[in-house]
Protein backbone atom coordinates (compact mmCIF):
# COMPACT_ATOMS: atom_id res chain seq x y z
CA MET A 1 -41.04 -19.71 23.03
CA GLY A 2 -38.63 -16.88 22.39
CA SER A 3 -35.47 -18.82 23.17
CA MET A 4 -32.86 -19.18 20.46
CA SER A 5 -30.70 -22.19 19.79
CA THR A 6 -26.92 -21.83 19.77
CA LYS A 7 -26.99 -22.18 15.99
CA ASP A 8 -29.53 -19.34 15.71
CA MET A 9 -27.48 -17.13 18.03
CA LEU A 10 -24.32 -17.76 16.01
CA SER A 11 -26.12 -16.98 12.76
CA ALA A 12 -27.53 -13.75 14.17
CA SER A 13 -24.23 -12.59 15.64
CA SER A 14 -22.27 -13.61 12.54
CA ALA A 15 -24.12 -11.21 10.29
CA GLY A 16 -21.56 -8.91 8.71
CA LYS A 17 -18.62 -10.76 10.26
CA LEU A 18 -15.77 -12.43 8.39
CA THR A 19 -14.68 -16.03 8.73
CA VAL A 20 -11.13 -17.41 8.73
CA ARG A 21 -11.79 -18.55 5.16
CA ASP A 22 -12.95 -15.05 4.14
CA ILE A 23 -9.74 -13.48 5.41
CA ALA A 24 -7.56 -16.20 3.87
CA GLU A 25 -9.17 -15.59 0.49
CA ARG A 26 -8.89 -11.80 0.76
CA GLU A 27 -5.22 -11.94 1.79
CA SER A 28 -4.28 -14.85 -0.54
CA VAL A 29 -2.95 -16.95 2.32
CA SER A 30 -3.91 -20.30 3.85
CA ARG A 31 -6.44 -20.64 6.66
CA ARG A 32 -3.57 -21.91 8.82
CA THR A 33 -1.75 -18.59 8.27
CA VAL A 34 -4.82 -16.68 9.47
CA LEU A 35 -4.99 -18.91 12.56
CA ASN A 36 -1.27 -18.28 13.15
CA TRP A 37 -1.94 -14.53 13.02
CA VAL A 38 -4.64 -14.99 15.69
CA GLU A 39 -2.30 -17.07 17.89
CA ARG A 40 0.46 -14.42 17.60
CA GLY A 41 -2.00 -11.60 18.31
CA ALA A 42 -1.52 -9.96 14.91
CA ILE A 43 -5.29 -9.91 14.48
CA LYS A 44 -7.98 -10.22 17.12
CA PRO A 45 -11.30 -11.93 16.50
CA ALA A 46 -14.52 -10.03 17.09
CA TYR A 47 -15.51 -13.14 19.01
CA ARG A 48 -14.61 -16.76 19.46
CA LEU A 49 -17.07 -19.41 20.62
CA GLY A 50 -15.44 -22.82 20.66
CA ARG A 51 -14.17 -23.42 17.15
CA VAL A 52 -16.23 -20.58 15.68
CA ILE A 53 -14.12 -17.48 15.04
CA ARG A 54 -15.43 -14.29 13.45
CA PHE A 55 -13.69 -11.03 12.60
CA ASP A 56 -14.68 -7.43 11.97
CA GLU A 57 -13.48 -5.55 8.90
CA SER A 58 -10.97 -3.86 11.23
CA TYR A 59 -8.69 -6.91 10.89
CA GLU A 60 -7.10 -5.12 7.89
CA GLN A 61 -6.00 -2.20 10.07
CA GLN A 62 -4.70 -4.62 12.69
CA LEU A 63 -2.56 -6.33 10.05
CA ARG A 64 -1.21 -3.00 8.76
CA ASP A 65 -0.39 -1.86 12.29
CA GLY A 66 1.41 -5.14 12.96
CA HIS A 67 3.51 -4.87 9.81
CA GLU A 68 4.59 -1.32 10.64
CA SER A 69 5.98 -2.32 14.06
């Protein structure tokens, strides 16, 4: 009693977070492009647990800062 499954923990911690798909749709790019941005360090996930990646809204500022460099 009181213990949460991994699925429940991910759902709880994902509240208000963006997925790779969310960012791809917002930026009109492919999901692969978003993953490339992560690999290059252009945007940093709020957290990554295995294949689950979630982002804060601050990803937009990270992208702007990266394009200004």
